[in-house]
Amino acid sequence: MSDGRSPAGQGSEALLFLTDEQLRQGIEAMFFAYRGFTADPDRILADYSYGRAHHRALHFINGAPGTTVNNLLSILGVTKQSLNRVLRTLIGDGLVESRVGRSDKRERHLYLTERGAELERKLSDAQRARMRAAYRAAGPEAVAGFRTVLEAMMDPEMRRHYHALREGRG
């Protein structure tokens, strides 16, 4: 708009001075949006007796085939014991394959099997459909703004992982 104000009628400078109540509403909106974002995959995961940790592992292995266990540990921010428990289940169920590193035999590289890729696709399709609908309803400026807000909320190490993942898919 020509007066420099957002469609809601507030100038962008007003965003710098959000009240505690406005921030609380944003926190609550994020909480409920996350519940919606995870609800569809949770229903699918329940059929396998899996949880969100299994979903996250499948997602990031799919996004970076051959990723190492140590890289996955760093991305997910979980303990080695917790990740090993999840990976043992996924490997045992034939969804993930672990291969010994070529240059460093101590490294384990992770790949989705065909069945793992199929499950990951189901989970991601559900989330993509929800995001696509939300993005269409919000419009391109809101999508760009939302991504900016999410990146600004990331810790620097997580932002580095996020950018590395995006560049790797380029």
Protein backbone atom coordinates (compact mmCIF):
# COMPACT_ATOMS: atom_id res chain seq x y z
CA MET A 1 0.00 0.00 0.00
CA SER A 2 1.19 3.51 -0.66
CA ASP A 3 1.00 4.63 2.97
CA GLY A 4 3.61 1.99 3.98
CA ARG A 5 1.08 0.13 6.07
CA SER A 6 0.38 -3.57 6.06
CA PRO A 7 -2.96 -4.90 4.81
CA ALA A 8 -4.06 -5.18 8.44
CA GLY A 9 -3.66 -1.42 8.71
CA GLN A 10 -0.54 -1.42 10.88
CA GLY A 11 2.77 -0.02 9.71
CA SER A 12 5.72 -2.40 9.75
CA GLU A 13 7.24 -0.33 12.55
CA ALA A 14 4.32 -1.37 14.75
CA LEU A 15 5.61 -4.95 14.51
CA LEU A 16 8.69 -3.90 16.45
CA PHE A 17 6.54 -3.00 19.45
CA LEU A 18 4.31 -6.01 19.96
CA THR A 19 2.56 -6.20 23.29
CA ASP A 20 2.92 -9.20 25.58
CA GLU A 21 -0.66 -10.10 24.69
CA GLN A 22 0.11 -10.07 20.95
CA LEU A 23 3.19 -12.23 21.56
CA ARG A 24 1.12 -14.64 23.69
CA GLN A 25 -1.40 -14.92 20.87
CA GLY A 26 1.44 -15.67 18.44
CA ILE A 27 2.82 -18.36 20.75
CA GLU A 28 -0.62 -19.92 21.08
CA ALA A 29 -1.18 -19.77 17.32
CA MET A 30 2.14 -21.53 16.77
CA PHE A 31 1.23 -24.19 19.35
CA PHE A 32 -2.12 -24.95 17.70
CA ALA A 33 -0.64 -24.77 14.19
CA TYR A 34 2.02 -27.29 15.22
CA ARG A 35 -0.67 -29.59 16.56
CA GLY A 36 -2.45 -29.38 13.23
CA PHE A 37 0.79 -29.81 11.29
CA THR A 38 1.64 -33.00 13.19
CA ALA A 39 -1.90 -34.44 13.49
CA ASP A 40 -2.05 -36.05 10.05
CA PRO A 41 1.38 -37.72 10.28
CA ASP A 42 0.64 -38.80 13.87
CA ARG A 43 -2.39 -40.76 12.62
CA ILE A 44 -0.26 -42.48 9.99
CA LEU A 45 2.57 -43.17 12.46
CA ALA A 46 0.13 -44.74 14.94
CA ASP A 47 -0.53 -47.54 12.44
CA TYR A 48 3.16 -48.46 12.76
CA SER A 49 3.43 -47.80 16.51
CA TYR A 50 5.92 -45.04 15.67
CA GLY A 51 6.24 -41.57 17.09
CA ARG A 52 7.43 -38.19 15.89
CA ALA A 53 11.09 -39.12 16.42
CA HIS A 54 10.68 -41.83 13.77
CA HIS A 55 9.08 -39.29 11.44
CA ARG A 56 11.89 -36.78 11.92
CA ALA A 57 14.53 -39.45 11.27
CA LEU A 58 12.77 -40.58 8.08
CA HIS A 59 12.35 -36.98 6.94
CA PHE A 60 15.99 -35.98 7.32
CA ILE A 61 17.38 -39.26 5.97
CA ASN A 62 15.16 -38.79 2.93
CA GLY A 63 16.38 -35.22 2.48
CA ALA A 64 20.04 -36.19 2.69
CA PRO A 65 20.52 -39.83 1.65
CA GLY A 66 23.75 -41.18 3.08
CA THR A 67 23.75 -38.77 5.99
CA THR A 68 25.76 -39.99 8.92
CA VAL A 69 24.38 -40.90 12.31
CA ASN A 70 26.44 -38.07 13.81
CA ASN A 71 24.97 -35.54 11.38
CA LEU A 72 21.47 -36.76 12.18
CA LEU A 73 22.25 -36.46 15.90
CA SER A 74 23.31 -32.86 15.36
CA ILE A 75 20.22 -31.97 13.31
CA LEU A 76 17.71 -33.63 15.64
CA GLY A 77 19.36 -32.53 18.88
CA VAL A 78 18.62 -35.83 20.62
CA THR A 79 20.81 -38.16 22.60
CA LYS A 80 22.73 -40.93 20.88
CA GLN A 81 20.80 -43.47 22.94
CA SER A 82 17.45 -42.02 21.86
CA LEU A 83 18.42 -41.91 18.17
CA ASN A 84 19.86 -45.42 18.28
CA ARG A 85 16.58 -46.72 19.69
CA VAL A 86 14.65 -45.09 16.82
CA LEU A 87 17.14 -46.25 14.18
CA ARG A 88 17.17 -49.83 15.49
CA THR A 89 13.39 -49.93 15.05
CA LEU A 90 13.47 -48.39 11.56
CA ILE A 91 16.30 -50.66 10.44
CA GLY A 92 14.68 -53.72 11.99
CA ASP A 93 11.39 -52.93 10.25
CA GLY A 94 13.15 -52.60 6.91
CA LEU A 95 12.61 -48.86 6.44
CA VAL A 96 16.20 -47.65 6.86
CA GLU A 97 19.48 -49.17 5.75
CA SER A 98 22.74 -48.47 7.58
CA ARG A 99 25.97 -48.77 5.57
CA VAL A 100 29.52 -48.61 6.87
CA GLY A 101 31.45 -45.59 5.64
CA ARG A 102 33.93 -46.11 2.81
CA SER A 103 36.59 -43.74 4.08
CA ASP A 104 35.85 -44.09 7.80
CA LYS A 105 34.67 -47.53 8.83
CA ARG A 106 33.38 -46.11 12.13
CA GLU A 107 30.79 -43.98 10.34
CA ARG A 108 27.34 -45.30 9.54
CA HIS A 109 25.56 -43.81 6.55
CA LEU A 110 21.77 -43.94 6.49
CA TYR A 111 19.47 -44.53 3.53
CA LEU A 112 15.76 -45.10 3.21
CA THR A 113 14.69 -48.39 1.71
CA GLU A 114 11.86 -48.44 -0.81
CA ARG A 115 9.41 -49.09 2.05
CA GLY A 116 10.96 -46.28 4.10
CA ALA A 117 10.67 -43.87 1.18
CA GLU A 118 7.03 -44.87 0.73
CA LEU A 119 6.20 -44.15 4.38
CA GLU A 120 8.14 -40.88 4.33
CA ARG A 121 6.22 -39.84 1.21
CA LYS A 122 2.87 -40.53 2.92
CA LEU A 123 3.90 -38.48 5.94
CA SER A 124 5.26 -35.60 3.88
CA ASP A 125 2.30 -35.61 1.49
CA ALA A 126 -0.02 -35.04 4.44
CA GLN A 127 2.06 -32.12 5.69
CA ARG A 128 2.57 -30.65 2.22
CA ALA A 129 -1.18 -30.66 1.62
CA ARG A 130 -1.79 -28.76 4.86
CA MET A 131 1.03 -26.28 4.16
CA ARG A 132 -0.02 -25.80 0.54
CA ALA A 133 -3.58 -24.93 1.61
CA ALA A 134 -2.34 -22.54 4.29
CA TYR A 135 0.15 -20.87 1.94
CA ARG A 136 -2.50 -20.42 -0.75
CA ALA A 137 -4.87 -18.87 1.77
CA ALA A 138 -2.18 -16.53 3.14
CA GLY A 139 -0.61 -15.40 -0.14
CA PRO A 140 2.99 -15.05 -1.31
CA GLU A 141 3.96 -12.10 0.90
CA ALA A 142 2.76 -13.91 4.00
CA VAL A 143 4.65 -17.05 2.97
CA ALA A 144 7.90 -15.10 2.60
CA GLY A 145 7.27 -13.31 5.91
CA PHE A 146 6.49 -16.58 7.68
CA ARG A 147 9.73 -18.15 6.45
CA THR A 148 11.65 -15.07 7.60
CA VAL A 149 10.08 -15.30 11.07
CA LEU A 150 10.84 -19.03 11.34
CA GLU A 151 14.48 -18.52 10.31
CA ALA A 152 14.84 -15.66 12.79
CA MET A 153 13.59 -17.93 15.58
CA MET A 154 16.21 -20.62 14.84
CA ASP A 155 19.34 -20.87 16.93
CA PRO A 156 22.43 -20.12 14.80
CA GLU A 157 23.50 -23.79 14.67
CA MET A 158 20.04 -24.88 13.53
CA ARG A 159 19.96 -22.10 10.95
CA ARG A 160 23.27 -23.43 9.56
CA HIS A 161 21.77 -26.94 9.30
CA TYR A 162 18.64 -25.53 7.67
CA HIS A 163 20.63 -23.59 5.06
CA ALA A 164 22.92 -26.58 4.42
CA LEU A 165 19.90 -28.80 3.80
CA ARG A 166 18.35 -26.24 1.45
CA GLU A 167 21.60 -25.81 -0.49
CA GLY A 168 22.02 -29.58 -0.75
CA ARG A 169 18.67 -29.88 -2.47
CA GLY A 170 19.34 -26.90 -4.76
